[in-house]
Amino acid sequence: MQETHQLTQRCGVMVADVDSQMREIVAASGEIAGIVTLLDSLSLQTKLLALNAAIESAHAGIYGRSFSIVAREIGLLSEKSGASTRNIDRLIAGTHQHIDNGFSKVQALESLYMKIAGAVTDVVALLDELQQNASAQSKRVNNVAEEISRLNKQVKNSEALTRHSAKASEDLVSQAQRLSQSISQFVL
């Protein structure tokens, strides 16, 4: 039972560790969400820059054609970057949902652990009480056995005294009969 009690205590420590790890994951995903927001802002600025570059290349005419290609590539990179940040943001939101679900399950597990720990503690207390009661009963049984042994000795002593008394009575009866015979010889 003590081993079970120790196991439940170790389970409690593990639940606390999982809870701590979940909180660290939540904090780290919050930091990642901040980075994603920054990347999304950079993507928007890059789009605006590409748009401005395209407008300026159009103003430059034939001399701005190569600059127009660069502006278009920057725009494509900006779109890909924006799509990636939205995808990362969606994944982070999903991760947050999983973490929230895991956190609620950890809390339910912790509640269950507390019930188990309480039950084990109650069982340990009952077993201690049973052990104390068994020890007290054993003591009482030993006292009764000693009393029976003492009474047995007294009965044996009483039996020996009774036999001795019976023998003495027989001797007295025998002596009384002899005395009676002796007295009967004297006639008055």
N, C-alpha and C. Protein backbone atom coordinates (compact mmCIF):
# COMPACT_ATOMS: atom_id res chain seq x y z
N MET A 1 0.83 -1.17 0.00
CA MET A 1 0.00 0.00 0.00
C MET A 1 0.88 1.25 0.00
N GLN A 2 1.97 1.18 0.73
CA GLN A 2 2.90 2.32 0.75
C GLN A 2 3.46 2.56 -0.65
N GLU A 3 3.75 1.48 -1.36
CA GLU A 3 4.27 1.60 -2.72
C GLU A 3 3.25 2.28 -3.63
N THR A 4 1.99 1.92 -3.47
CA THR A 4 0.93 2.56 -4.25
C THR A 4 0.84 4.04 -3.92
N HIS A 5 0.97 4.35 -2.65
CA HIS A 5 0.95 5.76 -2.23
C HIS A 5 2.11 6.52 -2.87
N GLN A 6 3.29 5.91 -2.90
CA GLN A 6 4.44 6.55 -3.53
C GLN A 6 4.23 6.72 -5.04
N LEU A 7 3.61 5.72 -5.67
CA LEU A 7 3.32 5.82 -7.11
C LEU A 7 2.37 6.97 -7.40
N THR A 8 1.36 7.13 -6.57
CA THR A 8 0.42 8.24 -6.80
C THR A 8 1.11 9.57 -6.59
N GLN A 9 2.04 9.64 -5.67
CA GLN A 9 2.79 10.89 -5.48
C GLN A 9 3.65 11.19 -6.70
N ARG A 10 4.29 10.15 -7.25
CA ARG A 10 5.08 10.36 -8.47
C ARG A 10 4.19 10.77 -9.63
N CYS A 11 2.99 10.22 -9.70
CA CYS A 11 2.03 10.60 -10.74
C CYS A 11 1.68 12.07 -10.61
N GLY A 12 1.51 12.53 -9.39
CA GLY A 12 1.22 13.95 -9.16
C GLY A 12 2.35 14.84 -9.63
N VAL A 13 3.57 14.41 -9.39
CA VAL A 13 4.74 15.19 -9.85
C VAL A 13 4.76 15.23 -11.38
N MET A 14 4.45 14.10 -12.02
CA MET A 14 4.44 14.06 -13.48
C MET A 14 3.34 14.97 -14.04
N VAL A 15 2.18 14.98 -13.41
CA VAL A 15 1.10 15.85 -13.85
C VAL A 15 1.53 17.31 -13.75
N ALA A 16 2.20 17.66 -12.66
CA ALA A 16 2.69 19.04 -12.49
C ALA A 16 3.72 19.37 -13.56
N ASP A 17 4.59 18.40 -13.90
CA ASP A 17 5.59 18.61 -14.96
C ASP A 17 4.92 18.84 -16.31
N VAL A 18 3.91 18.02 -16.62
CA VAL A 18 3.19 18.16 -17.90
C VAL A 18 2.51 19.53 -17.95
N ASP A 19 1.92 19.93 -16.84
CA ASP A 19 1.26 21.23 -16.77
C ASP A 19 2.28 22.34 -17.04
N SER A 20 3.44 22.23 -16.43
CA SER A 20 4.51 23.23 -16.64
C SER A 20 4.96 23.25 -18.10
N GLN A 21 5.12 22.08 -18.69
CA GLN A 21 5.54 21.99 -20.10
C GLN A 21 4.48 22.61 -21.01
N MET A 22 3.20 22.36 -20.71
CA MET A 22 2.12 22.93 -21.52
C MET A 22 2.16 24.45 -21.45
N ARG A 23 2.41 24.98 -20.28
CA ARG A 23 2.48 26.44 -20.13
C ARG A 23 3.67 27.00 -20.92
N GLU A 24 4.79 26.28 -20.92
CA GLU A 24 5.96 26.72 -21.70
C GLU A 24 5.64 26.70 -23.20
N ILE A 25 4.91 25.68 -23.66
CA ILE A 25 4.53 25.59 -25.07
C ILE A 25 3.62 26.76 -25.45
N VAL A 26 2.68 27.07 -24.56
CA VAL A 26 1.77 28.19 -24.81
C VAL A 26 2.58 29.49 -24.93
N ALA A 27 3.55 29.68 -24.02
CA ALA A 27 4.37 30.89 -24.07
C ALA A 27 5.18 30.94 -25.36
N ALA A 28 5.77 29.81 -25.76
CA ALA A 28 6.58 29.77 -26.99
C ALA A 28 5.71 30.01 -28.22
N SER A 29 4.51 29.45 -28.25
CA SER A 29 3.65 29.68 -29.42
C SER A 29 3.18 31.13 -29.46
N GLY A 30 3.07 31.77 -28.31
CA GLY A 30 2.76 33.20 -28.29
C GLY A 30 3.87 34.01 -28.92
N GLU A 31 5.10 33.62 -28.63
CA GLU A 31 6.25 34.31 -29.25
C GLU A 31 6.25 34.07 -30.76
N ILE A 32 5.96 32.86 -31.17
CA ILE A 32 5.92 32.54 -32.61
C ILE A 32 4.81 33.36 -33.28
N ALA A 33 3.67 33.49 -32.61
CA ALA A 33 2.57 34.28 -33.18
C ALA A 33 3.02 35.73 -33.37
N GLY A 34 3.81 36.25 -32.44
CA GLY A 34 4.35 37.61 -32.59
C GLY A 34 5.26 37.72 -33.80
N ILE A 35 6.08 36.70 -34.02
CA ILE A 35 6.98 36.70 -35.18
C ILE A 35 6.17 36.62 -36.47
N VAL A 36 5.12 35.80 -36.47
CA VAL A 36 4.26 35.67 -37.66
C VAL A 36 3.60 37.01 -37.96
N THR A 37 3.16 37.71 -36.95
CA THR A 37 2.56 39.03 -37.15
C THR A 37 3.57 39.98 -37.79
N LEU A 38 4.80 39.93 -37.31
CA LEU A 38 5.87 40.76 -37.88
C LEU A 38 6.11 40.39 -39.34
N LEU A 39 6.16 39.08 -39.64
CA LEU A 39 6.36 38.63 -41.02
C LEU A 39 5.21 39.06 -41.92
N ASP A 40 3.99 38.99 -41.40
CA ASP A 40 2.82 39.42 -42.17
C ASP A 40 2.91 40.91 -42.48
N SER A 41 3.37 41.66 -41.51
CA SER A 41 3.56 43.11 -41.72
C SER A 41 4.64 43.37 -42.76
N LEU A 42 5.73 42.60 -42.69
CA LEU A 42 6.80 42.75 -43.68
C LEU A 42 6.31 42.38 -45.08
N SER A 43 5.46 41.33 -45.16
CA SER A 43 4.91 40.90 -46.45
C SER A 43 4.05 42.02 -47.04
N LEU A 44 3.24 42.66 -46.21
CA LEU A 44 2.41 43.76 -46.69
C LEU A 44 3.27 44.92 -47.18
N GLN A 45 4.33 45.24 -46.42
CA GLN A 45 5.22 46.33 -46.84
C GLN A 45 5.93 45.98 -48.15
N THR A 46 6.30 44.69 -48.29
CA THR A 46 6.97 44.26 -49.52
C THR A 46 6.02 44.36 -50.70
N LYS A 47 4.74 44.04 -50.51
CA LYS A 47 3.75 44.18 -51.57
C LYS A 47 3.63 45.64 -52.01
N LEU A 48 3.56 46.51 -51.01
CA LEU A 48 3.46 47.94 -51.32
C LEU A 48 4.70 48.43 -52.07
N LEU A 49 5.86 47.93 -51.63
CA LEU A 49 7.11 48.30 -52.29
C LEU A 49 7.12 47.79 -53.73
N ALA A 50 6.66 46.56 -53.96
CA ALA A 50 6.61 45.99 -55.31
C ALA A 50 5.63 46.79 -56.18
N LEU A 51 4.50 47.20 -55.59
CA LEU A 51 3.52 47.99 -56.34
C LEU A 51 4.10 49.35 -56.73
N ASN A 52 4.77 49.97 -55.77
CA ASN A 52 5.42 51.26 -56.07
C ASN A 52 6.51 51.08 -57.13
N ALA A 53 7.26 49.99 -57.04
CA ALA A 53 8.32 49.75 -58.02
C ALA A 53 7.72 49.54 -59.40
N ALA A 54 6.57 48.83 -59.47
CA ALA A 54 5.91 48.60 -60.76
C ALA A 54 5.42 49.93 -61.34
N ILE A 55 4.88 50.80 -60.48
CA ILE A 55 4.41 52.11 -60.95
C ILE A 55 5.59 52.93 -61.47
N GLU A 56 6.67 52.93 -60.75
CA GLU A 56 7.85 53.71 -61.16
C GLU A 56 8.47 53.15 -62.44
N SER A 57 8.46 51.81 -62.60
CA SER A 57 9.02 51.23 -63.82
C SER A 57 8.14 51.59 -65.01
N ALA A 58 6.82 51.70 -64.77
CA ALA A 58 5.91 52.10 -65.85
C ALA A 58 6.18 53.56 -66.25
N HIS A 59 6.48 54.39 -65.27
CA HIS A 59 6.82 55.80 -65.56
C HIS A 59 8.13 55.89 -66.35
N ALA A 60 9.04 54.99 -66.06
CA ALA A 60 10.34 55.06 -66.73
C ALA A 60 10.25 54.56 -68.16
N GLY A 61 9.17 53.87 -68.46
CA GLY A 61 8.96 53.40 -69.82
C GLY A 61 9.87 52.26 -70.17
N ILE A 62 10.49 52.39 -71.38
CA ILE A 62 11.34 51.32 -71.88
C ILE A 62 12.56 51.11 -71.01
N TYR A 63 12.99 52.14 -70.32
CA TYR A 63 14.19 52.02 -69.48
C TYR A 63 13.89 51.32 -68.14
N GLY A 64 12.64 51.24 -67.81
CA GLY A 64 12.26 50.62 -66.54
C GLY A 64 11.77 49.20 -66.67
N ARG A 65 11.89 48.61 -67.90
CA ARG A 65 11.41 47.26 -68.13
C ARG A 65 12.10 46.24 -67.22
N SER A 66 13.37 46.27 -67.11
CA SER A 66 14.09 45.29 -66.25
C SER A 66 13.72 45.51 -64.78
N PHE A 67 13.49 46.78 -64.45
CA PHE A 67 13.07 47.06 -63.08
C PHE A 67 11.66 46.51 -62.84
N SER A 68 10.83 46.47 -63.87
CA SER A 68 9.48 45.93 -63.79
C SER A 68 9.51 44.44 -63.48
N ILE A 69 10.47 43.71 -64.07
CA ILE A 69 10.61 42.27 -63.80
C ILE A 69 10.99 42.05 -62.35
N VAL A 70 11.91 42.87 -61.85
CA VAL A 70 12.33 42.75 -60.44
C VAL A 70 11.13 43.03 -59.53
N ALA A 71 10.35 44.07 -59.88
CA ALA A 71 9.19 44.43 -59.06
C ALA A 71 8.17 43.29 -59.05
N ARG A 72 7.95 42.66 -60.21
CA ARG A 72 7.01 41.53 -60.28
C ARG A 72 7.50 40.37 -59.43
N GLU A 73 8.79 40.05 -59.46
CA GLU A 73 9.36 38.96 -58.65
C GLU A 73 9.23 39.28 -57.16
N ILE A 74 9.47 40.52 -56.82
CA ILE A 74 9.31 40.92 -55.41
C ILE A 74 7.86 40.74 -55.00
N GLY A 75 6.92 41.11 -55.87
CA GLY A 75 5.49 40.92 -55.60
C GLY A 75 5.15 39.46 -55.39
N LEU A 76 5.70 38.56 -56.27
CA LEU A 76 5.44 37.12 -56.12
C LEU A 76 6.01 36.59 -54.80
N LEU A 77 7.22 37.04 -54.48
CA LEU A 77 7.82 36.62 -53.20
C LEU A 77 6.97 37.10 -52.03
N SER A 78 6.46 38.31 -52.16
CA SER A 78 5.61 38.87 -51.11
C SER A 78 4.34 38.04 -50.94
N GLU A 79 3.74 37.63 -52.06
CA GLU A 79 2.53 36.79 -51.99
C GLU A 79 2.83 35.44 -51.35
N LYS A 80 3.94 34.83 -51.76
CA LYS A 80 4.32 33.54 -51.16
C LYS A 80 4.59 33.70 -49.67
N SER A 81 5.28 34.77 -49.32
CA SER A 81 5.59 35.02 -47.91
C SER A 81 4.30 35.22 -47.12
N GLY A 82 3.35 35.98 -47.69
CA GLY A 82 2.06 36.21 -47.02
C GLY A 82 1.29 34.91 -46.85
N ALA A 83 1.28 34.07 -47.90
CA ALA A 83 0.59 32.78 -47.82
C ALA A 83 1.22 31.90 -46.74
N SER A 84 2.55 31.94 -46.69
CA SER A 84 3.25 31.12 -45.68
C SER A 84 2.93 31.62 -44.27
N THR A 85 2.91 32.93 -44.08
CA THR A 85 2.61 33.43 -42.73
C THR A 85 1.16 33.13 -42.35
N ARG A 86 0.24 33.18 -43.30
CA ARG A 86 -1.15 32.82 -42.99
C ARG A 86 -1.24 31.33 -42.63
N ASN A 87 -0.48 30.51 -43.37
CA ASN A 87 -0.46 29.07 -43.09
C ASN A 87 0.12 28.82 -41.70
N ILE A 88 1.22 29.51 -41.37
CA ILE A 88 1.83 29.35 -40.04
C ILE A 88 0.86 29.82 -38.97
N ASP A 89 0.17 30.94 -39.24
CA ASP A 89 -0.80 31.46 -38.28
C ASP A 89 -1.93 30.45 -38.05
N ARG A 90 -2.40 29.80 -39.13
CA ARG A 90 -3.44 28.78 -39.01
C ARG A 90 -2.93 27.59 -38.18
N LEU A 91 -1.69 27.18 -38.44
CA LEU A 91 -1.10 26.07 -37.68
C LEU A 91 -0.96 26.43 -36.20
N ILE A 92 -0.56 27.66 -35.94
CA ILE A 92 -0.42 28.09 -34.54
C ILE A 92 -1.79 28.09 -33.85
N ALA A 93 -2.83 28.56 -34.57
CA ALA A 93 -4.17 28.55 -33.99
C ALA A 93 -4.60 27.11 -33.68
N GLY A 94 -4.29 26.18 -34.60
CA GLY A 94 -4.59 24.76 -34.35
C GLY A 94 -3.82 24.22 -33.17
N THR A 95 -2.55 24.64 -33.08
CA THR A 95 -1.71 24.20 -31.95
C THR A 95 -2.27 24.73 -30.65
N HIS A 96 -2.71 25.99 -30.66
CA HIS A 96 -3.32 26.56 -29.46
C HIS A 96 -4.55 25.75 -29.05
N GLN A 97 -5.34 25.36 -30.02
CA GLN A 97 -6.53 24.56 -29.73
C GLN A 97 -6.14 23.22 -29.10
N HIS A 98 -5.13 22.58 -29.68
CA HIS A 98 -4.66 21.30 -29.13
C HIS A 98 -4.09 21.50 -27.72
N ILE A 99 -3.37 22.58 -27.55
CA ILE A 99 -2.80 22.86 -26.22
C ILE A 99 -3.90 23.10 -25.21
N ASP A 100 -4.92 23.87 -25.61
CA ASP A 100 -6.04 24.12 -24.70
C ASP A 100 -6.74 22.81 -24.34
N ASN A 101 -6.95 21.94 -25.35
CA ASN A 101 -7.56 20.63 -25.07
C ASN A 101 -6.68 19.81 -24.14
N GLY A 102 -5.37 19.81 -24.43
CA GLY A 102 -4.43 19.07 -23.58
C GLY A 102 -4.41 19.63 -22.17
N PHE A 103 -4.46 20.95 -22.07
CA PHE A 103 -4.44 21.59 -20.76
C PHE A 103 -5.67 21.21 -19.95
N SER A 104 -6.85 21.20 -20.61
CA SER A 104 -8.06 20.82 -19.89
C SER A 104 -8.00 19.34 -19.48
N LYS A 105 -7.39 18.51 -20.31
CA LYS A 105 -7.25 17.09 -19.96
C LYS A 105 -6.27 16.92 -18.80
N VAL A 106 -5.21 17.72 -18.80
CA VAL A 106 -4.25 17.67 -17.69
C VAL A 106 -4.94 18.10 -16.40
N GLN A 107 -5.79 19.13 -16.48
CA GLN A 107 -6.51 19.56 -15.29
C GLN A 107 -7.47 18.47 -14.81
N ALA A 108 -8.14 17.79 -15.76
CA ALA A 108 -9.02 16.68 -15.39
C ALA A 108 -8.21 15.55 -14.76
N LEU A 109 -7.03 15.28 -15.34
CA LEU A 109 -6.15 14.24 -14.80
C LEU A 109 -5.68 14.62 -13.40
N GLU A 110 -5.37 15.89 -13.22
CA GLU A 110 -4.92 16.34 -11.90
C GLU A 110 -6.04 16.17 -10.88
N SER A 111 -7.27 16.50 -11.28
CA SER A 111 -8.42 16.32 -10.39
C SER A 111 -8.60 14.85 -10.04
N LEU A 112 -8.50 13.99 -11.06
CA LEU A 112 -8.61 12.55 -10.83
C LEU A 112 -7.48 12.07 -9.93
N TYR A 113 -6.28 12.57 -10.17
CA TYR A 113 -5.13 12.19 -9.34
C TYR A 113 -5.40 12.57 -7.88
N MET A 114 -5.94 13.77 -7.66
CA MET A 114 -6.21 14.22 -6.30
C MET A 114 -7.21 13.28 -5.62
N LYS A 115 -8.22 12.82 -6.38
CA LYS A 115 -9.18 11.87 -5.82
C LYS A 115 -8.50 10.54 -5.49
N ILE A 116 -7.65 10.07 -6.41
CA ILE A 116 -6.94 8.81 -6.19
C ILE A 116 -6.02 8.94 -4.98
N ALA A 117 -5.29 10.05 -4.92
CA ALA A 117 -4.36 10.26 -3.80
C ALA A 117 -5.13 10.29 -2.48
N GLY A 118 -6.30 10.95 -2.48
CA GLY A 118 -7.12 10.98 -1.27
C GLY A 118 -7.59 9.58 -0.88
N ALA A 119 -8.02 8.82 -1.89
CA ALA A 119 -8.49 7.45 -1.62
C ALA A 119 -7.35 6.58 -1.09
N VAL A 120 -6.17 6.71 -1.68
CA VAL A 120 -5.01 5.93 -1.22
C VAL A 120 -4.64 6.33 0.21
N THR A 121 -4.69 7.62 0.48
CA THR A 121 -4.39 8.09 1.84
C THR A 121 -5.40 7.52 2.83
N ASP A 122 -6.68 7.50 2.42
CA ASP A 122 -7.71 6.93 3.29
C ASP A 122 -7.47 5.44 3.52
N VAL A 123 -7.10 4.73 2.45
CA VAL A 123 -6.83 3.29 2.57
C VAL A 123 -5.62 3.05 3.48
N VAL A 124 -4.59 3.87 3.33
CA VAL A 124 -3.40 3.74 4.18
C VAL A 124 -3.79 3.96 5.65
N ALA A 125 -4.64 4.97 5.89
CA ALA A 125 -5.08 5.24 7.26
C ALA A 125 -5.89 4.06 7.80
N LEU A 126 -6.77 3.50 6.95
CA LEU A 126 -7.56 2.33 7.39
C LEU A 126 -6.66 1.14 7.68
N LEU A 127 -5.66 0.92 6.82
CA LEU A 127 -4.75 -0.20 7.06
C LEU A 127 -3.95 0.00 8.34
N ASP A 128 -3.55 1.23 8.61
CA ASP A 128 -2.85 1.51 9.86
C ASP A 128 -3.76 1.22 11.05
N GLU A 129 -5.02 1.64 10.93
CA GLU A 129 -5.98 1.39 12.00
C GLU A 129 -6.21 -0.10 12.17
N LEU A 130 -6.33 -0.84 11.04
CA LEU A 130 -6.49 -2.29 11.12
C LEU A 130 -5.29 -2.95 11.79
N GLN A 131 -4.10 -2.46 11.43
CA GLN A 131 -2.89 -3.02 12.04
C GLN A 131 -2.88 -2.77 13.55
N GLN A 132 -3.28 -1.57 13.96
CA GLN A 132 -3.33 -1.25 15.39
C GLN A 132 -4.37 -2.13 16.08
N ASN A 133 -5.55 -2.31 15.44
CA ASN A 133 -6.58 -3.17 16.01
C ASN A 133 -6.11 -4.61 16.10
N ALA A 134 -5.43 -5.09 15.06
CA ALA A 134 -4.91 -6.46 15.07
C ALA A 134 -3.88 -6.64 16.19
N SER A 135 -3.03 -5.63 16.36
CA SER A 135 -2.03 -5.70 17.44
C SER A 135 -2.73 -5.74 18.80
N ALA A 136 -3.76 -4.90 18.97
CA ALA A 136 -4.50 -4.88 20.24
C ALA A 136 -5.20 -6.22 20.47
N GLN A 137 -5.80 -6.79 19.41
CA GLN A 137 -6.47 -8.09 19.53
C GLN A 137 -5.46 -9.18 19.89
N SER A 138 -4.31 -9.11 19.25
CA SER A 138 -3.26 -10.10 19.53
C SER A 138 -2.84 -10.02 21.00
N LYS A 139 -2.71 -8.80 21.50
CA LYS A 139 -2.35 -8.61 22.90
C LYS A 139 -3.41 -9.21 23.82
N ARG A 140 -4.69 -8.93 23.46
CA ARG A 140 -5.80 -9.47 24.28
C ARG A 140 -5.81 -10.99 24.24
N VAL A 141 -5.59 -11.57 23.06
CA VAL A 141 -5.57 -13.03 22.93
C VAL A 141 -4.42 -13.60 23.76
N ASN A 142 -3.27 -12.94 23.72
CA ASN A 142 -2.13 -13.40 24.54
C ASN A 142 -2.47 -13.32 26.03
N ASN A 143 -3.15 -12.25 26.44
CA ASN A 143 -3.55 -12.11 27.85
C ASN A 143 -4.52 -13.22 28.24
N VAL A 144 -5.50 -13.51 27.34
CA VAL A 144 -6.46 -14.58 27.61
C VAL A 144 -5.73 -15.92 27.70
N ALA A 145 -4.78 -16.16 26.79
CA ALA A 145 -4.01 -17.41 26.81
C ALA A 145 -3.22 -17.54 28.11
N GLU A 146 -2.62 -16.45 28.56
CA GLU A 146 -1.88 -16.49 29.82
C GLU A 146 -2.82 -16.76 30.99
N GLU A 147 -4.01 -16.13 30.96
CA GLU A 147 -5.00 -16.34 32.03
C GLU A 147 -5.47 -17.80 32.04
N ILE A 148 -5.70 -18.37 30.85
CA ILE A 148 -6.11 -19.79 30.75
C ILE A 148 -5.01 -20.68 31.29
N SER A 149 -3.76 -20.36 30.95
CA SER A 149 -2.63 -21.14 31.45
C SER A 149 -2.56 -21.07 32.98
N ARG A 150 -2.78 -19.86 33.53
CA ARG A 150 -2.76 -19.70 34.99
C ARG A 150 -3.91 -20.49 35.64
N LEU A 151 -5.10 -20.40 35.01
CA LEU A 151 -6.25 -21.15 35.54
C LEU A 151 -6.01 -22.65 35.45
N ASN A 152 -5.37 -23.10 34.38
CA ASN A 152 -5.04 -24.52 34.21
C ASN A 152 -4.12 -24.98 35.33
N LYS A 153 -3.13 -24.15 35.68
CA LYS A 153 -2.23 -24.51 36.79
C LYS A 153 -3.00 -24.59 38.11
N GLN A 154 -3.93 -23.62 38.29
CA GLN A 154 -4.72 -23.63 39.53
C GLN A 154 -5.62 -24.87 39.59
N VAL A 155 -6.19 -25.25 38.44
CA VAL A 155 -7.04 -26.45 38.41
C VAL A 155 -6.19 -27.68 38.73
N LYS A 156 -5.00 -27.76 38.17
CA LYS A 156 -4.13 -28.91 38.45
C LYS A 156 -3.74 -28.93 39.93
N ASN A 157 -3.43 -27.74 40.48
CA ASN A 157 -3.10 -27.67 41.92
C ASN A 157 -4.31 -28.08 42.76
N SER A 158 -5.49 -27.61 42.33
CA SER A 158 -6.72 -27.95 43.06
C SER A 158 -7.00 -29.45 42.97
N GLU A 159 -6.75 -30.02 41.80
CA GLU A 159 -6.95 -31.46 41.62
C GLU A 159 -6.00 -32.25 42.53
N ALA A 160 -4.75 -31.80 42.60
CA ALA A 160 -3.78 -32.48 43.46
C ALA A 160 -4.19 -32.36 44.91
N LEU A 161 -4.67 -31.15 45.30
CA LEU A 161 -5.13 -30.97 46.69
C LEU A 161 -6.36 -31.84 46.97
N THR A 162 -7.25 -31.95 45.98
CA THR A 162 -8.45 -32.78 46.16
C THR A 162 -8.06 -34.24 46.33
N ARG A 163 -7.12 -34.72 45.52
CA ARG A 163 -6.65 -36.11 45.66
C ARG A 163 -6.00 -36.31 47.03
N HIS A 164 -5.21 -35.33 47.42
CA HIS A 164 -4.54 -35.42 48.73
C HIS A 164 -5.59 -35.41 49.85
N SER A 165 -6.61 -34.57 49.67
CA SER A 165 -7.68 -34.49 50.67
C SER A 165 -8.47 -35.80 50.71
N ALA A 166 -8.73 -36.38 49.50
CA ALA A 166 -9.46 -37.65 49.44
C ALA A 166 -8.65 -38.74 50.12
N LYS A 167 -7.38 -38.74 49.90
CA LYS A 167 -6.49 -39.74 50.53
C LYS A 167 -6.51 -39.57 52.04
N ALA A 168 -6.44 -38.28 52.46
CA ALA A 168 -6.46 -38.03 53.90
C ALA A 168 -7.81 -38.48 54.49
N SER A 169 -8.91 -38.23 53.75
CA SER A 169 -10.24 -38.65 54.23
C SER A 169 -10.29 -40.17 54.34
N GLU A 170 -9.77 -40.85 53.34
CA GLU A 170 -9.76 -42.32 53.39
C GLU A 170 -8.96 -42.81 54.60
N ASP A 171 -7.82 -42.14 54.83
CA ASP A 171 -6.99 -42.52 55.98
C ASP A 171 -7.75 -42.27 57.28
N LEU A 172 -8.47 -41.17 57.36
CA LEU A 172 -9.24 -40.86 58.57
C LEU A 172 -10.35 -41.89 58.79
N VAL A 173 -11.04 -42.24 57.68
CA VAL A 173 -12.11 -43.24 57.78
C VAL A 173 -11.52 -44.57 58.27
N SER A 174 -10.39 -44.93 57.70
CA SER A 174 -9.74 -46.18 58.09
C SER A 174 -9.34 -46.13 59.57
N GLN A 175 -8.80 -45.00 59.99
CA GLN A 175 -8.39 -44.87 61.39
C GLN A 175 -9.62 -44.84 62.31
N ALA A 176 -10.68 -44.22 61.81
CA ALA A 176 -11.90 -44.17 62.62
C ALA A 176 -12.48 -45.58 62.78
N GLN A 177 -12.41 -46.38 61.76
CA GLN A 177 -12.91 -47.74 61.86
C GLN A 177 -12.04 -48.54 62.84
N ARG A 178 -10.77 -48.36 62.79
CA ARG A 178 -9.89 -49.07 63.71
C ARG A 178 -10.12 -48.61 65.15
N LEU A 179 -10.33 -47.29 65.22
CA LEU A 179 -10.59 -46.75 66.55
C LEU A 179 -11.92 -47.31 67.07
N SER A 180 -12.87 -47.42 66.21
CA SER A 180 -14.18 -47.94 66.60
C SER A 180 -14.04 -49.42 67.01
N GLN A 181 -13.26 -50.15 66.33
CA GLN A 181 -13.05 -51.55 66.70
C GLN A 181 -12.30 -51.64 68.02
N SER A 182 -11.38 -50.76 68.17
CA SER A 182 -10.63 -50.79 69.42
C SER A 182 -11.53 -50.41 70.57
N ILE A 183 -12.40 -49.48 70.38
CA ILE A 183 -13.29 -49.03 71.43
C ILE A 183 -14.33 -50.12 71.69
N SER A 184 -14.73 -50.81 70.72
CA SER A 184 -15.74 -51.85 70.92
C SER A 184 -15.17 -53.00 71.77
N GLN A 185 -13.96 -53.13 71.90
CA GLN A 185 -13.37 -54.17 72.73
C GLN A 185 -13.51 -53.80 74.19
N PHE A 186 -13.61 -52.55 74.44
CA PHE A 186 -13.82 -52.11 75.83
C PHE A 186 -15.30 -52.08 76.09
N VAL A 187 -15.74 -52.86 76.95
CA VAL A 187 -17.16 -52.84 77.23
C VAL A 187 -17.29 -52.20 78.62
N LEU A 188 -18.19 -51.47 78.77
CA LEU A 188 -18.42 -50.80 80.03
C LEU A 188 -19.46 -51.43 80.86
